[in-house]
Protein backbone atom coordinates (compact mmCIF):
# COMPACT_ATOMS: atom_id res chain seq x y z
CA UNK A 1 76.30 -160.74 111.00
CA UNK A 2 80.14 -160.65 109.55
CA UNK A 3 80.06 -157.65 107.84
CA UNK A 4 83.19 -155.21 109.16
CA UNK A 5 81.95 -152.73 111.51
CA UNK A 6 82.50 -149.11 109.83
CA UNK A 7 84.96 -146.52 111.57
CA UNK A 8 83.02 -143.25 112.55
CA UNK A 9 84.45 -140.38 111.20
CA UNK A 10 86.86 -139.35 114.49
CA UNK A 11 86.17 -135.42 113.56
CA UNK A 12 82.37 -136.08 113.71
CA UNK A 13 82.83 -138.55 116.68
CA UNK A 14 84.45 -135.75 118.48
CA UNK A 15 81.75 -133.02 117.15
CA UNK A 16 79.37 -135.27 118.60
CA UNK A 17 80.99 -135.42 122.22
CA UNK A 18 81.52 -132.04 122.64
CA UNK A 19 77.69 -130.74 121.68
CA UNK A 20 76.34 -134.24 123.71
CA UNK A 21 78.61 -133.01 126.37
CA UNK A 22 77.66 -129.27 126.44
CA UNK A 23 73.53 -130.15 126.11
CA UNK A 24 74.04 -132.10 129.13
CA UNK A 25 75.60 -129.91 131.22
CA UNK A 26 73.47 -127.36 130.35
CA UNK A 27 70.37 -129.38 130.95
CA UNK A 28 71.93 -131.02 134.01
CA UNK A 29 72.60 -127.51 135.86
CA UNK A 30 69.16 -126.45 135.24
CA UNK A 31 67.30 -129.58 136.58
CA UNK A 32 69.58 -129.93 139.19
CA UNK A 33 69.13 -126.31 140.54
CA UNK A 34 65.28 -126.81 139.63
CA UNK A 35 65.38 -129.40 142.06
CA UNK A 36 67.32 -128.01 144.83
CA UNK A 37 65.90 -124.50 144.69
CA UNK A 38 63.64 -123.05 142.30
CA UNK A 39 66.17 -121.85 139.38
CA UNK A 40 66.62 -118.00 138.57
CA UNK A 41 64.41 -118.90 135.52
CA UNK A 42 61.80 -120.35 137.20
CA UNK A 43 61.23 -117.91 140.30
CA UNK A 44 57.80 -116.80 140.02
CA UNK A 45 58.10 -112.80 140.78
CA UNK A 46 54.54 -111.63 141.14
CA UNK A 47 55.22 -107.59 141.80
CA UNK A 48 52.59 -105.42 142.84
CA UNK A 49 49.98 -105.25 140.45
CA UNK A 50 51.20 -108.15 138.27
CA UNK A 51 48.49 -110.29 138.48
CA UNK A 52 47.69 -113.78 140.38
CA UNK A 53 50.93 -115.69 140.51
CA UNK A 54 49.03 -119.17 140.01
CA UNK A 55 49.09 -121.33 136.82
CA UNK A 56 45.46 -121.08 135.28
CA UNK A 57 44.15 -124.16 133.79
CA UNK A 58 44.29 -124.45 129.89
CA UNK A 59 41.23 -123.00 128.55
CA UNK A 60 40.59 -120.25 131.56
CA UNK A 61 42.32 -117.65 129.43
CA UNK A 62 43.05 -115.55 132.65
CA UNK A 63 41.74 -112.35 133.26
CA UNK A 64 39.61 -111.01 130.42
CA UNK A 65 41.73 -108.90 128.47
CA UNK A 66 41.41 -104.88 128.19
CA UNK A 67 41.43 -103.00 124.88
CA UNK A 68 45.04 -103.02 123.36
CA UNK A 69 46.76 -100.00 124.04
CA UNK A 70 50.50 -101.63 122.78
CA UNK A 71 51.59 -100.10 119.36
CA UNK A 72 53.24 -102.59 116.84
CA UNK A 73 50.75 -105.58 116.95
CA UNK A 74 49.43 -105.19 113.37
CA UNK A 75 53.20 -104.92 112.09
CA UNK A 76 54.07 -108.09 113.77
CA UNK A 77 51.35 -109.92 112.45
CA UNK A 78 51.90 -108.69 108.72
CA UNK A 79 55.84 -109.76 109.74
CA UNK A 80 54.94 -113.40 110.56
CA UNK A 81 52.68 -113.25 107.36
CA UNK A 82 55.25 -112.17 105.38
CA UNK A 83 57.79 -115.06 106.80
CA UNK A 84 55.16 -117.43 106.78
CA UNK A 85 54.52 -116.45 102.85
CA UNK A 86 58.18 -117.22 102.27
CA UNK A 87 58.85 -120.21 104.30
CA UNK A 88 55.76 -121.98 102.61
CA UNK A 89 57.06 -120.85 98.79
CA UNK A 90 57.73 -124.44 97.07
CA UNK A 91 57.83 -126.19 100.51
CA UNK A 92 57.19 -129.87 100.51
CA UNK A 93 54.07 -130.70 101.54
CA UNK A 94 52.64 -127.03 101.56
CA UNK A 95 49.10 -126.60 102.76
CA UNK A 96 46.29 -124.32 103.89
CA UNK A 97 44.14 -125.20 106.68
CA UNK A 98 41.84 -123.56 109.39
CA UNK A 99 43.93 -122.58 112.48
CA UNK A 100 42.39 -124.77 115.27
CA UNK A 101 42.19 -128.47 114.65
CA UNK A 102 39.37 -129.57 117.08
CA UNK A 103 40.68 -131.66 120.04
CA UNK A 104 44.11 -131.18 119.05
CA UNK A 105 44.10 -134.06 115.88
CA UNK A 106 45.80 -133.30 113.19
CA UNK A 107 45.10 -131.54 109.66
CA UNK A 108 44.81 -134.03 106.98
CA UNK A 109 47.85 -133.78 105.12
CA UNK A 110 46.09 -134.36 101.77
CA UNK A 111 48.79 -133.17 99.89
CA UNK A 112 51.50 -135.34 101.66
CA UNK A 113 52.22 -138.51 99.64
CA UNK A 114 51.67 -141.67 101.28
CA UNK A 115 54.70 -143.74 102.56
CA UNK A 116 55.51 -146.41 99.57
CA UNK A 117 56.01 -149.91 101.14
CA UNK A 118 58.45 -151.85 99.36
CA UNK A 119 58.16 -155.09 98.51
CA UNK A 120 60.22 -158.33 98.25
CA UNK A 121 63.11 -159.91 99.96
CA UNK A 122 64.36 -157.42 102.65
CA UNK A 123 68.23 -155.14 101.96
CA UNK A 124 69.48 -152.32 103.69
CA UNK A 125 68.99 -149.86 100.43
CA UNK A 126 65.24 -150.88 100.81
CA UNK A 127 65.19 -150.09 104.70
CA UNK A 128 67.32 -146.45 103.96
CA UNK A 129 64.77 -145.56 101.54
CA UNK A 130 62.24 -146.28 103.60
CA UNK A 131 63.83 -144.23 106.26
CA UNK A 132 64.37 -141.71 104.31
CA UNK A 133 60.61 -141.76 102.37
CA UNK A 134 58.82 -141.80 106.06
CA UNK A 135 61.12 -138.75 107.27
CA UNK A 136 60.03 -137.10 104.20
CA UNK A 137 56.49 -137.74 105.12
CA UNK A 138 56.67 -136.65 108.81
CA UNK A 139 58.33 -133.04 107.63
CA UNK A 140 55.53 -132.73 104.99
CA UNK A 141 53.08 -133.64 107.10
CA UNK A 142 54.27 -131.39 110.03
CA UNK A 143 55.02 -128.51 107.15
CA UNK A 144 50.96 -128.64 107.05
CA UNK A 145 50.07 -128.22 111.26
CA UNK A 146 52.66 -125.58 110.97
CA UNK A 147 50.67 -123.67 108.65
CA UNK A 148 47.09 -124.38 110.82
CA UNK A 149 49.26 -123.06 113.38
CA UNK A 150 50.29 -119.68 112.06
CA UNK A 151 46.95 -119.12 110.72
CA UNK A 152 45.72 -120.02 114.06
CA UNK A 153 47.91 -117.53 115.81
CA UNK A 154 47.50 -114.80 113.80
CA UNK A 155 43.74 -114.91 114.44
CA UNK A 156 44.72 -114.44 118.08
CA UNK A 157 46.92 -111.44 117.39
CA UNK A 158 44.02 -109.93 115.22
CA UNK A 159 41.42 -110.77 118.30
CA UNK A 160 43.09 -111.83 121.64
CA UNK A 161 40.27 -113.39 123.52
CA UNK A 162 39.17 -117.23 124.79
CA UNK A 163 37.77 -118.05 121.47
CA UNK A 164 40.88 -117.53 119.39
CA UNK A 165 43.20 -118.58 121.94
CA UNK A 166 41.12 -121.98 122.57
CA UNK A 167 41.69 -122.66 118.84
CA UNK A 168 45.40 -121.38 118.79
CA UNK A 169 45.73 -124.26 121.83
CA UNK A 170 44.27 -127.02 119.56
CA UNK A 171 46.23 -126.01 116.60
CA UNK A 172 49.50 -126.43 119.26
CA UNK A 173 48.20 -129.88 120.32
CA UNK A 174 47.65 -130.98 116.30
CA UNK A 175 51.09 -129.78 115.75
CA UNK A 176 52.81 -131.49 118.38
CA UNK A 177 51.45 -134.89 117.70
CA UNK A 178 53.09 -135.03 114.57
CA UNK A 179 56.18 -133.22 116.04
CA UNK A 180 56.78 -135.71 118.81
CA UNK A 181 56.58 -138.35 115.92
CA UNK A 182 59.20 -136.49 113.80
CA UNK A 183 61.47 -136.17 117.11
CA UNK A 184 62.54 -139.91 116.40
CA UNK A 185 63.82 -139.04 112.75
CA UNK A 186 66.64 -136.58 114.06
CA UNK A 187 68.80 -137.77 111.42
CA UNK A 188 70.01 -135.40 108.47
CA UNK A 189 68.68 -131.74 108.38
CA UNK A 190 67.11 -132.38 111.85
CA UNK A 191 70.03 -133.59 113.45
CA UNK A 192 72.62 -131.40 115.36
CA UNK A 193 75.59 -129.62 112.74
CA UNK A 194 78.18 -132.09 114.27
CA UNK A 195 76.36 -135.06 112.54
CA UNK A 196 76.23 -135.86 108.95
CA UNK A 197 74.17 -133.80 106.90
CA UNK A 198 73.00 -132.20 110.01
CA UNK A 199 71.39 -128.53 110.19
CA UNK A 200 70.02 -127.88 113.67
CA UNK A 201 66.31 -127.96 112.46
CA UNK A 202 64.85 -129.90 115.09
CA UNK A 203 66.14 -127.03 117.41
CA UNK A 204 65.39 -124.39 115.69
CA UNK A 205 61.48 -125.35 116.26
CA UNK A 206 61.68 -127.18 119.37
CA UNK A 207 64.34 -126.69 121.67
CA UNK A 208 63.05 -128.71 125.02
CA UNK A 209 64.74 -129.17 126.92
CA UNK A 210 66.33 -126.00 126.76
CA UNK A 211 63.47 -123.85 127.64
CA UNK A 212 63.35 -120.24 129.61
CA UNK A 213 60.31 -118.83 130.58
CA UNK A 214 62.16 -115.64 132.13
CA UNK A 215 63.35 -115.63 128.28
CA UNK A 216 59.96 -115.19 127.30
CA UNK A 217 58.72 -112.75 129.59
CA UNK A 218 61.68 -110.47 129.01
CA UNK A 219 61.42 -110.35 125.30
CA UNK A 220 57.64 -109.73 125.99
CA UNK A 221 58.46 -106.59 127.63
CA UNK A 222 61.14 -105.33 124.87
CA UNK A 223 58.94 -106.76 122.13
CA UNK A 224 62.28 -108.78 120.75
CA UNK A 225 59.78 -111.00 119.10
CA UNK A 226 58.95 -108.31 116.47
CA UNK A 227 62.26 -107.50 115.10
CA UNK A 228 64.17 -108.78 112.42
CA UNK A 229 66.73 -110.86 114.74
CA UNK A 230 63.92 -112.71 116.27
CA UNK A 231 64.58 -115.66 113.89
CA UNK A 232 68.34 -115.80 114.81
CA UNK A 233 67.75 -115.18 118.78
CA UNK A 234 68.76 -117.96 121.11
CA UNK A 235 65.96 -120.91 120.83
CA UNK A 236 65.34 -120.97 124.63
CA UNK A 237 63.06 -117.92 123.98
CA UNK A 238 61.62 -119.07 120.29
CA UNK A 239 59.89 -122.32 119.18
CA UNK A 240 56.85 -124.72 120.07
CA UNK A 241 57.88 -124.56 123.48
CA UNK A 242 57.91 -120.78 123.66
CA UNK A 243 54.36 -121.06 122.09
CA UNK A 244 53.33 -123.41 124.63
CA UNK A 245 53.57 -121.15 127.26
CA UNK A 246 52.37 -118.19 125.56
CA UNK A 247 49.19 -119.54 124.84
CA UNK A 248 48.89 -122.07 127.74
CA UNK A 249 49.53 -120.37 130.69
CA UNK A 250 46.90 -117.74 131.88
CA UNK A 251 48.87 -115.94 134.85
CA UNK A 252 49.94 -112.24 134.89
CA UNK A 253 53.32 -113.04 136.65
CA UNK A 254 56.23 -113.60 135.09
CA UNK A 255 58.76 -116.28 136.13
CA UNK A 256 62.67 -113.55 136.33
CA UNK A 257 64.02 -112.78 139.62
CA UNK A 258 63.37 -109.57 141.03
CA UNK A 259 67.05 -108.62 139.75
CA UNK A 260 65.33 -109.45 136.17
CA UNK A 261 65.24 -105.70 134.33
CA UNK A 262 61.46 -106.07 133.96
CA UNK A 263 61.22 -106.48 138.17
CA UNK A 264 63.77 -104.18 138.92
CA UNK A 265 62.63 -101.43 136.45
CA UNK A 266 59.18 -102.46 136.91
CA UNK A 267 58.60 -102.54 133.38
CA UNK A 268 56.47 -105.77 133.52
CA UNK A 269 54.25 -104.44 136.39
CA UNK A 270 53.51 -101.41 134.03
CA UNK A 271 51.96 -103.60 130.97
CA UNK A 272 48.10 -103.71 131.95
CA UNK A 273 46.24 -107.10 131.37
CA UNK A 274 44.96 -106.21 127.91
CA UNK A 275 48.58 -104.83 127.06
CA UNK A 276 50.22 -108.21 128.09
CA UNK A 277 47.32 -110.54 126.52
CA UNK A 278 48.32 -108.68 123.24
CA UNK A 279 51.91 -108.66 123.46
CA UNK A 280 51.63 -112.43 124.41
CA UNK A 281 49.52 -113.24 121.59
CA UNK A 282 51.72 -110.99 119.15
CA UNK A 283 54.73 -112.94 120.50
CA UNK A 284 52.65 -116.33 119.70
CA UNK A 285 52.34 -115.41 116.14
CA UNK A 286 55.93 -114.65 116.02
CA UNK A 287 56.88 -117.82 117.24
CA UNK A 288 54.28 -119.55 114.83
CA UNK A 289 55.53 -118.02 112.28
CA UNK A 290 59.36 -119.04 112.93
CA UNK A 291 58.37 -122.11 113.12
CA UNK A 292 56.92 -122.41 110.19
CA UNK A 293 59.86 -120.61 108.70
CA UNK A 294 61.79 -124.07 109.80
CA UNK A 295 59.33 -126.48 109.16
CA UNK A 296 59.63 -125.00 105.35
CA UNK A 297 63.54 -125.71 105.43
CA UNK A 298 63.12 -129.47 106.61
CA UNK A 299 60.62 -130.02 104.23
CA UNK A 300 62.36 -128.94 101.72
CA UNK A 301 65.79 -130.60 102.92
CA UNK A 302 64.07 -133.86 102.24
CA UNK A 303 62.31 -133.16 99.21
CA UNK A 304 62.74 -136.04 96.43
CA UNK A 305 64.89 -133.99 94.11
CA UNK A 306 68.71 -133.48 93.12
CA UNK A 307 70.82 -132.63 95.92
CA UNK A 308 68.45 -133.29 98.45
CA UNK A 309 69.17 -135.24 101.72
CA UNK A 310 67.16 -137.71 100.73
CA UNK A 311 69.17 -138.41 97.63
CA UNK A 312 72.57 -137.75 99.83
CA UNK A 313 71.05 -140.78 102.15
CA UNK A 314 69.34 -143.36 99.72
CA UNK A 315 72.45 -143.14 97.71
CA UNK A 316 74.57 -144.14 100.24
CA UNK A 317 77.47 -146.33 99.58
CA UNK A 318 76.68 -145.20 95.83
CA UNK A 319 78.91 -142.21 95.30
CA UNK A 320 77.11 -140.29 98.38
CA UNK A 321 78.92 -136.91 99.70
CA UNK A 322 77.90 -137.69 103.19
CA UNK A 323 77.98 -141.81 103.51
CA UNK A 324 80.28 -143.89 102.25
CA UNK A 325 78.79 -146.93 102.71
CA UNK A 326 75.13 -148.09 103.58
CA UNK A 327 76.08 -149.07 107.05
CA UNK A 328 77.50 -145.38 107.80
CA UNK A 329 73.98 -144.41 106.41
CA UNK A 330 72.04 -146.89 109.02
CA UNK A 331 74.39 -146.02 111.58
CA UNK A 332 72.82 -142.43 111.53
CA UNK A 333 69.10 -143.70 111.53
CA UNK A 334 69.72 -145.63 114.28
CA UNK A 335 71.20 -143.18 116.36
CA UNK A 336 68.29 -141.59 116.18
CA UNK A 337 66.27 -144.16 117.53
CA UNK A 338 67.69 -143.93 120.59
CA UNK A 339 65.39 -140.92 121.50
CA UNK A 340 63.61 -142.91 123.39
CA UNK A 341 66.67 -144.34 125.66
CA UNK A 342 67.86 -140.64 126.66
CA UNK A 343 65.23 -137.81 125.47
CA UNK A 344 61.86 -140.35 126.46
CA UNK A 345 63.21 -142.37 129.51
CA UNK A 346 66.18 -140.21 130.80
CA UNK A 347 64.63 -136.98 130.28
CA UNK A 348 61.38 -137.17 130.28
CA UNK A 349 60.16 -140.02 133.05
CA UNK A 350 63.39 -140.72 135.12
CA UNK A 351 63.99 -136.61 136.21
CA UNK A 352 60.95 -135.83 136.65
CA UNK A 353 60.75 -139.12 139.02
CA UNK A 354 63.52 -138.36 140.43
CA UNK A 355 65.83 -141.40 139.09
CA UNK A 356 68.45 -139.14 138.07
CA UNK A 357 71.36 -137.65 139.91
CA UNK A 358 70.66 -133.81 138.71
CA UNK A 359 67.11 -134.58 140.90
CA UNK A 360 67.63 -135.01 144.69
CA UNK A 361 64.05 -134.57 145.64
CA UNK A 362 61.90 -137.41 145.51
CA UNK A 363 60.25 -136.17 142.61
CA UNK A 364 61.02 -132.94 140.25
CA UNK A 365 57.77 -131.87 138.71
CA UNK A 366 59.40 -128.89 136.90
CA UNK A 367 61.38 -131.41 134.90
CA UNK A 368 58.36 -132.69 132.93
CA UNK A 369 58.20 -131.72 128.93
CA UNK A 370 54.45 -129.78 129.03
CA UNK A 371 53.11 -128.61 131.91
CA UNK A 372 51.12 -125.96 130.77
CA UNK A 373 49.36 -127.90 127.91
CA UNK A 374 49.58 -130.62 130.01
CA UNK A 375 50.53 -132.75 127.17
CA UNK A 376 53.12 -135.07 128.60
CA UNK A 377 51.94 -138.11 128.02
CA UNK A 378 50.30 -137.57 124.49
CA UNK A 379 53.91 -136.50 123.97
CA UNK A 380 55.28 -140.15 125.01
CA UNK A 381 52.30 -141.68 123.00
CA UNK A 382 53.99 -139.95 119.67
CA UNK A 383 57.28 -140.66 120.39
CA UNK A 384 56.45 -144.06 120.82
CA UNK A 385 54.50 -144.21 117.30
CA UNK A 386 57.29 -142.43 115.93
CA UNK A 387 59.81 -145.50 117.10
CA UNK A 388 57.15 -148.11 115.47
CA UNK A 389 57.58 -146.42 112.20
CA UNK A 390 60.93 -146.59 111.86
CA UNK A 391 61.58 -149.97 113.34
CA UNK A 392 58.51 -151.93 111.81
CA UNK A 393 57.02 -149.96 109.21
CA UNK A 394 55.78 -145.99 108.38
CA UNK A 395 52.67 -147.29 106.74
CA UNK A 396 49.21 -148.38 108.60
CA UNK A 397 49.59 -150.95 111.19
CA UNK A 398 53.42 -151.04 110.68
CA UNK A 399 53.89 -151.66 107.02
CA UNK A 400 56.98 -151.93 105.38
CA UNK A 401 60.71 -152.26 105.65
CA UNK A 402 61.85 -151.40 109.18
CA UNK A 403 64.71 -152.57 111.20
CA UNK A 404 62.88 -155.64 112.68
CA UNK A 405 62.77 -156.76 109.32
CA UNK A 406 66.51 -156.49 109.33
CA UNK A 407 66.88 -158.47 112.32
CA UNK A 408 64.69 -161.17 111.02
CA UNK A 409 67.17 -161.23 107.49
CA UNK A 410 70.06 -161.37 109.94
CA UNK A 411 68.71 -164.74 111.70
CA UNK A 412 67.54 -162.57 115.14
CA UNK A 413 63.61 -163.18 114.09
CA UNK A 414 63.13 -163.56 118.46
CA UNK A 415 65.30 -160.60 118.87
CA UNK A 416 62.70 -158.38 116.63
CA UNK A 417 59.60 -160.17 118.13
CA UNK A 418 60.86 -159.07 121.65
CA UNK A 419 60.95 -155.93 120.48
CA UNK A 420 57.99 -155.54 119.36
CA UNK A 421 56.58 -157.10 122.72
CA UNK A 422 58.72 -154.70 124.73
CA UNK A 423 57.60 -151.68 122.37
CA UNK A 424 53.19 -152.80 122.76
CA UNK A 425 53.94 -152.99 126.44
CA UNK A 426 55.58 -149.43 126.65
CA UNK A 427 52.43 -147.98 124.62
CA UNK A 428 50.02 -149.70 126.62
CA UNK A 429 51.71 -148.38 130.31
CA UNK A 430 50.94 -145.05 128.94
CA UNK A 431 47.69 -145.84 127.34
CA UNK A 432 47.24 -146.95 131.41
CA UNK A 433 47.48 -143.55 132.39
CA UNK A 434 44.33 -142.62 133.93
CA UNK A 435 45.52 -138.94 135.17
CA UNK A 436 47.74 -136.32 132.99
CA UNK A 437 51.42 -136.98 133.57
CA UNK A 438 51.54 -133.78 135.29
CA UNK A 439 48.86 -135.08 138.06
CA UNK A 440 49.90 -138.67 138.31
CA UNK A 441 53.13 -137.89 139.53
CA UNK A 442 52.12 -136.68 142.40
CA UNK A 443 48.83 -139.29 142.58
CA UNK A 444 49.42 -142.13 140.99
CA UNK A 445 53.42 -142.74 141.28
CA UNK A 446 53.35 -146.21 140.69
CA UNK A 447 51.49 -146.03 137.03
CA UNK A 448 54.41 -143.88 136.11
CA UNK A 449 57.06 -145.54 137.26
CA UNK A 450 55.20 -148.45 135.59
CA UNK A 451 55.79 -146.78 132.24
CA UNK A 452 59.33 -146.03 133.20
CA UNK A 453 60.09 -149.65 133.57
CA UNK A 454 58.72 -150.67 130.48
CA UNK A 455 60.36 -148.25 128.23
CA UNK A 456 63.26 -149.39 129.83
CA UNK A 457 62.52 -153.26 129.31
CA UNK A 458 62.80 -151.57 125.44
CA UNK A 459 65.90 -149.50 125.40
CA UNK A 460 67.60 -152.32 127.23
CA UNK A 461 67.32 -154.40 124.36
CA UNK A 462 67.93 -151.34 122.30
CA UNK A 463 71.40 -150.83 123.19
CA UNK A 464 72.87 -154.19 123.94
CA UNK A 465 71.45 -157.10 121.57
CA UNK A 466 69.90 -154.94 118.80
CA UNK A 467 73.52 -153.05 118.34
CA UNK A 468 75.02 -156.30 118.83
CA UNK A 469 72.64 -158.17 115.82
CA UNK A 470 73.25 -155.56 113.31
CA UNK A 471 76.80 -154.55 114.25
CA UNK A 472 75.47 -151.06 114.55
CA UNK A 473 77.36 -148.25 116.34
CA UNK A 474 75.95 -147.19 120.30
CA UNK A 475 75.68 -143.47 119.96
CA UNK A 476 77.92 -141.68 122.34
CA UNK A 477 75.03 -140.38 124.26
CA UNK A 478 75.01 -144.01 125.59
CA UNK A 479 78.19 -145.10 125.29
CA UNK A 480 79.02 -146.48 129.09
CA UNK A 481 75.34 -145.90 130.23
CA UNK A 482 74.68 -148.88 132.19
CA UNK A 483 71.16 -147.84 133.79
């Protein structure tokens, strides 16, 4: 194309470099420590009388809870309900749903309008609008799932036990199915505050890979989850990742070192099995309420009304206070697509496979994304579906305007076809995993490597021919990356 490449605002670029460098340094240190030796956060301390130090499979529920002796579970549930009520008021896509969608299937978003499918010749304005409408749809659908998650968690807090725990696990799986697609829409309010229109909402909802088991364990003991300040506490002890650990891990041990106050002072060991189960349930309810509040904020930020980010994005080049040109807006949207290059290929696959410098052993299974829920492969599938929504179209079967249409309009139809073929190849490679990724990593490594190779075939096209053909900027996270 002959259009002139727009120059990104220097302050925004500097902010992006700082944010990326900080995140990579934090994650890199943790991952490196995890592969050289168990990091402080993952040193399992069983303690005298603390219960078995072995993770139990999902559905086992651990030992049978004793009657709760803890105080405050009622107030915690009430506080969670209050937060959820506030979050849902006026939020786009507010919906009520029964907690625990069977088999982890999403609750139908009956209040979320379908994504419009534009007709006629391609234009950048249509592509920007399609991306905005798809982001709005994903945010709306996720809020509905977050509401169902909160309801199931509140039920678990009222009555800890296997039936309510199973419902909470199903609700989490359903919510994550939608969220992992929404991960590809990390532009605007979901993006870092260093990015155009960014509000850091993604990290407030799901902070992986910044996750700390020990932080959660310490807050189980301190009951920090019951405090008004919980929603502003460190993200590594909140959100969907903390919820997963709380409801999927059935062991009675903690992940802190012997020097942590909960072990040094024996406050963890003092918790009975029943009290521990009740506190985990109360914590899960508080985490779910916080997720619902953030989901409501994300949906409202995309709402089709004056002053919303959707309006600022779709008005790019027409008086938008955020995007001076359409190309600026498309750079922001295309940057989000590189999630499959950094997070999916490098972090979700490369690190566990030992392909990154911060893993110095043959494999680093502790770097897997959802090892308690055994849902890592399901997340990969959802990520690739999210990529297809942006690249090909958000409607059924890839209908609608996507970046492939822009490539065809720019005379690069062959590249569009090759990228779609590579995308289908990556999806087929993930589908071919016969075992959970957590198990296949050790027993069928070749298939996991084939997933990595298939994804790399797509990302190689994305960061070379794709950005060149459309005169897009390469994200800071991918500059200088030659793998």
